[in-house]
Amino acid sequence: MSQTVVLKVGMSCQGCVGAVNRVLGKMEGVESFDIDIKEQKVTVKGNVEPEAVFQTVSKTGKKTSFWEAEAPAPTPAPAPIEPETKPVEEKPVEEKPAETSVEPEAKPVEEKPTETVAAA
């Protein structure tokens, strides 16, 4: 069964392209492949499993991932991580200014002796 596998591969020079070219040339089941260094895109056609192509290209040491259009699964994964980070952000240092607001409450106590003087 022939299929197309598209990968995003971090290639910065012709040496990187050569490394990917070499491993794909040796891989069983590969009918053809296209390496686009500008888009960092590797398209492989043949009787191959996507995971096997991924593993083969990863052996070059280049950062490899499935092309976004081919892999919608990673998008929902970060969602559970977000609630864990929120409690850390909810620890503001707002309690210290509240302590200083206690001081003005001592002033009304000073007014009481003035009333007793007026009564005398």
C-alpha atoms as a PDB file:
ATOM      1  CA  MET A   1       0.000   0.000   0.000  1.00  0.00           C
ATOM      2  CA  SER A   2       1.605   3.232  -1.136  1.00  0.00           C
ATOM      3  CA  GLN A   3       1.163   6.337   0.990  1.00  0.00           C
ATOM      4  CA  THR A   4       2.667   9.772   1.533  1.00  0.00           C
ATOM      5  CA  VAL A   5       4.335  10.821   4.795  1.00  0.00           C
ATOM      6  CA  VAL A   6       5.162  14.494   5.381  1.00  0.00           C
ATOM      7  CA  LEU A   7       7.655  15.487   8.074  1.00  0.00           C
ATOM      8  CA  LYS A   8       9.023  18.778   9.371  1.00  0.00           C
ATOM      9  CA  VAL A   9      12.789  18.384   9.704  1.00  0.00           C
ATOM     10  CA  GLY A  10      15.159  21.027  11.103  1.00  0.00           C
ATOM     11  CA  MET A  11      17.657  21.336   8.252  1.00  0.00           C
ATOM     12  CA  SER A  12      19.949  24.364   8.069  1.00  0.00           C
ATOM     13  CA  CYS A  13      22.390  23.405   5.296  1.00  0.00           C
ATOM     14  CA  GLN A  14      23.032  21.064   2.390  1.00  0.00           C
ATOM     15  CA  GLY A  15      24.832  18.708   4.782  1.00  0.00           C
ATOM     16  CA  CYS A  16      21.560  18.285   6.699  1.00  0.00           C
ATOM     17  CA  VAL A  17      19.736  17.618   3.431  1.00  0.00           C
ATOM     18  CA  GLY A  18      22.416  15.075   2.515  1.00  0.00           C
ATOM     19  CA  ALA A  19      21.993  13.230   5.823  1.00  0.00           C
ATOM     20  CA  VAL A  20      18.210  12.970   5.378  1.00  0.00           C
ATOM     21  CA  ASN A  21      18.686  12.018   1.706  1.00  0.00           C
ATOM     22  CA  ARG A  22      21.110   9.229   2.704  1.00  0.00           C
ATOM     23  CA  VAL A  23      18.847   7.584   5.340  1.00  0.00           C
ATOM     24  CA  LEU A  24      15.747   7.756   3.131  1.00  0.00           C
ATOM     25  CA  GLY A  25      17.691   6.329   0.166  1.00  0.00           C
ATOM     26  CA  LYS A  26      18.521   3.235   2.254  1.00  0.00           C
ATOM     27  CA  MET A  27      15.013   2.831   3.710  1.00  0.00           C
ATOM     28  CA  GLU A  28      12.959  -0.119   2.500  1.00  0.00           C
ATOM     29  CA  GLY A  29       9.648   0.621   0.764  1.00  0.00           C
ATOM     30  CA  VAL A  30      10.516   4.217  -0.210  1.00  0.00           C
ATOM     31  CA  GLU A  31       9.511   4.888  -3.820  1.00  0.00           C
ATOM     32  CA  SER A  32      10.380   8.588  -3.894  1.00  0.00           C
ATOM     33  CA  PHE A  33      11.008  11.537  -1.585  1.00  0.00           C
ATOM     34  CA  ASP A  34      11.292  15.291  -1.794  1.00  0.00           C
ATOM     35  CA  ILE A  35      13.380  17.442   0.537  1.00  0.00           C
ATOM     36  CA  ASP A  36      12.554  21.161   0.748  1.00  0.00           C
ATOM     37  CA  ILE A  37      15.173  22.936   2.880  1.00  0.00           C
ATOM     38  CA  LYS A  38      13.368  26.324   2.745  1.00  0.00           C
ATOM     39  CA  GLU A  39      10.139  24.915   4.211  1.00  0.00           C
ATOM     40  CA  GLN A  40      12.015  22.309   6.317  1.00  0.00           C
ATOM     41  CA  LYS A  41       9.648  19.788   4.732  1.00  0.00           C
ATOM     42  CA  VAL A  42      10.360  16.192   3.782  1.00  0.00           C
ATOM     43  CA  THR A  43       7.746  14.334   1.730  1.00  0.00           C
ATOM     44  CA  VAL A  44       8.180  10.555   1.428  1.00  0.00           C
ATOM     45  CA  LYS A  45       6.126   8.364  -0.903  1.00  0.00           C
ATOM     46  CA  GLY A  46       6.094   4.593  -0.862  1.00  0.00           C
ATOM     47  CA  ASN A  47       5.049   1.459   0.944  1.00  0.00           C
ATOM     48  CA  VAL A  48       6.085   2.850   4.330  1.00  0.00           C
ATOM     49  CA  GLU A  49       4.683   3.344   7.822  1.00  0.00           C
ATOM     50  CA  PRO A  50       4.632   6.986   9.020  1.00  0.00           C
ATOM     51  CA  GLU A  51       6.248   6.028  12.353  1.00  0.00           C
ATOM     52  CA  ALA A  52       9.046   4.108  10.588  1.00  0.00           C
ATOM     53  CA  VAL A  53       9.805   7.104   8.358  1.00  0.00           C
ATOM     54  CA  PHE A  54       9.786   9.368  11.423  1.00  0.00           C
ATOM     55  CA  GLN A  55      12.221   7.079  13.298  1.00  0.00           C
ATOM     56  CA  THR A  56      14.534   6.792  10.274  1.00  0.00           C
ATOM     57  CA  VAL A  57      14.738  10.561   9.754  1.00  0.00           C
ATOM     58  CA  SER A  58      15.149  11.131  13.528  1.00  0.00           C
ATOM     59  CA  LYS A  59      18.336   9.007  13.410  1.00  0.00           C
ATOM     60  CA  THR A  60      20.020  11.852  11.510  1.00  0.00           C
ATOM     61  CA  GLY A  61      19.943  13.885  14.725  1.00  0.00           C
ATOM     62  CA  LYS A  62      17.784  16.586  13.129  1.00  0.00           C
ATOM     63  CA  LYS A  63      14.722  17.873  14.986  1.00  0.00           C
ATOM     64  CA  THR A  64      11.910  15.879  13.393  1.00  0.00           C
ATOM     65  CA  SER A  65       8.132  16.078  13.772  1.00  0.00           C
ATOM     66  CA  PHE A  66       5.090  15.211  11.708  1.00  0.00           C
ATOM     67  CA  TRP A  67       3.943  18.089   9.512  1.00  0.00           C
ATOM     68  CA  GLU A  68       1.161  20.030  11.321  1.00  0.00           C
ATOM     69  CA  ALA A  69      -1.544  19.068   8.795  1.00  0.00           C
ATOM     70  CA  GLU A  70      -0.703  15.391   9.315  1.00  0.00           C
ATOM     71  CA  ALA A  71      -0.712  15.470  13.117  1.00  0.00           C
ATOM     72  CA  PRO A  72      -3.736  17.132  14.766  1.00  0.00           C
ATOM     73  CA  ALA A  73      -3.226  15.030  17.928  1.00  0.00           C
ATOM     74  CA  PRO A  74      -0.534  17.165  19.661  1.00  0.00           C
ATOM     75  CA  THR A  75      -2.840  20.205  19.833  1.00  0.00           C
ATOM     76  CA  PRO A  76      -5.194  18.937  22.610  1.00  0.00           C
ATOM     77  CA  ALA A  77      -2.299  17.605  24.703  1.00  0.00           C
ATOM     78  CA  PRO A  78      -1.142  20.963  26.190  1.00  0.00           C
ATOM     79  CA  ALA A  79      -4.656  21.763  27.519  1.00  0.00           C
ATOM     80  CA  PRO A  80      -4.338  19.751  30.793  1.00  0.00           C
ATOM     81  CA  ILE A  81      -1.043  21.506  31.582  1.00  0.00           C
ATOM     82  CA  GLU A  82      -2.640  24.990  31.710  1.00  0.00           C
ATOM     83  CA  PRO A  83      -4.667  24.544  34.960  1.00  0.00           C
ATOM     84  CA  GLU A  84      -1.491  23.430  36.768  1.00  0.00           C
ATOM     85  CA  THR A  85       0.303  26.699  35.951  1.00  0.00           C
ATOM     86  CA  LYS A  86      -2.616  28.958  36.985  1.00  0.00           C
ATOM     87  CA  PRO A  87      -2.365  28.370  40.777  1.00  0.00           C
ATOM     88  CA  VAL A  88       1.265  29.481  40.631  1.00  0.00           C
ATOM     89  CA  GLU A  89       0.182  32.788  39.072  1.00  0.00           C
ATOM     90  CA  GLU A  90      -2.529  33.297  41.736  1.00  0.00           C
ATOM     91  CA  LYS A  91       0.026  33.867  44.508  1.00  0.00           C
ATOM     92  CA  PRO A  92       0.330  37.676  44.404  1.00  0.00           C
ATOM     93  CA  VAL A  93       1.988  39.524  47.253  1.00  0.00           C
ATOM     94  CA  GLU A  94      -1.152  41.523  48.087  1.00  0.00           C
ATOM     95  CA  GLU A  95      -1.364  40.538  51.748  1.00  0.00           C
ATOM     96  CA  LYS A  96       1.414  42.946  52.860  1.00  0.00           C
ATOM     97  CA  PRO A  97      -0.410  46.192  51.885  1.00  0.00           C
ATOM     98  CA  ALA A  98      -3.455  44.959  53.863  1.00  0.00           C
ATOM     99  CA  GLU A  99      -1.358  44.993  57.076  1.00  0.00           C
ATOM    100  CA  THR A 100      -0.637  48.752  56.736  1.00  0.00           C
ATOM    101  CA  SER A 101      -4.358  49.578  56.508  1.00  0.00           C
ATOM    102  CA  VAL A 102      -4.755  48.570  60.197  1.00  0.00           C
ATOM    103  CA  GLU A 103      -2.887  51.690  61.409  1.00  0.00           C
ATOM    104  CA  PRO A 104      -5.552  54.382  60.644  1.00  0.00           C
ATOM    105  CA  GLU A 105      -8.005  52.599  62.991  1.00  0.00           C
ATOM    106  CA  ALA A 106      -6.026  53.869  66.021  1.00  0.00           C
ATOM    107  CA  LYS A 107      -6.951  57.551  65.320  1.00  0.00           C
ATOM    108  CA  PRO A 108     -10.634  57.467  66.458  1.00  0.00           C
ATOM    109  CA  VAL A 109      -9.450  56.467  69.944  1.00  0.00           C
ATOM    110  CA  GLU A 110      -7.769  59.910  70.329  1.00  0.00           C
ATOM    111  CA  GLU A 111     -11.094  61.762  69.817  1.00  0.00           C
ATOM    112  CA  LYS A 112     -12.770  60.369  72.974  1.00  0.00           C
ATOM    113  CA  PRO A 113     -10.803  62.441  75.517  1.00  0.00           C
ATOM    114  CA  THR A 114     -11.790  65.641  73.667  1.00  0.00           C
ATOM    115  CA  GLU A 115     -15.502  64.919  74.269  1.00  0.00           C
ATOM    116  CA  THR A 116     -14.997  64.528  78.029  1.00  0.00           C
ATOM    117  CA  VAL A 117     -13.190  67.886  78.195  1.00  0.00           C
ATOM    118  CA  ALA A 118     -16.138  69.598  76.481  1.00  0.00           C
ATOM    119  CA  ALA A 119     -18.531  68.092  79.033  1.00  0.00           C
ATOM    120  CA  ALA A 120     -16.554  69.474  81.975  1.00  0.00           C
END
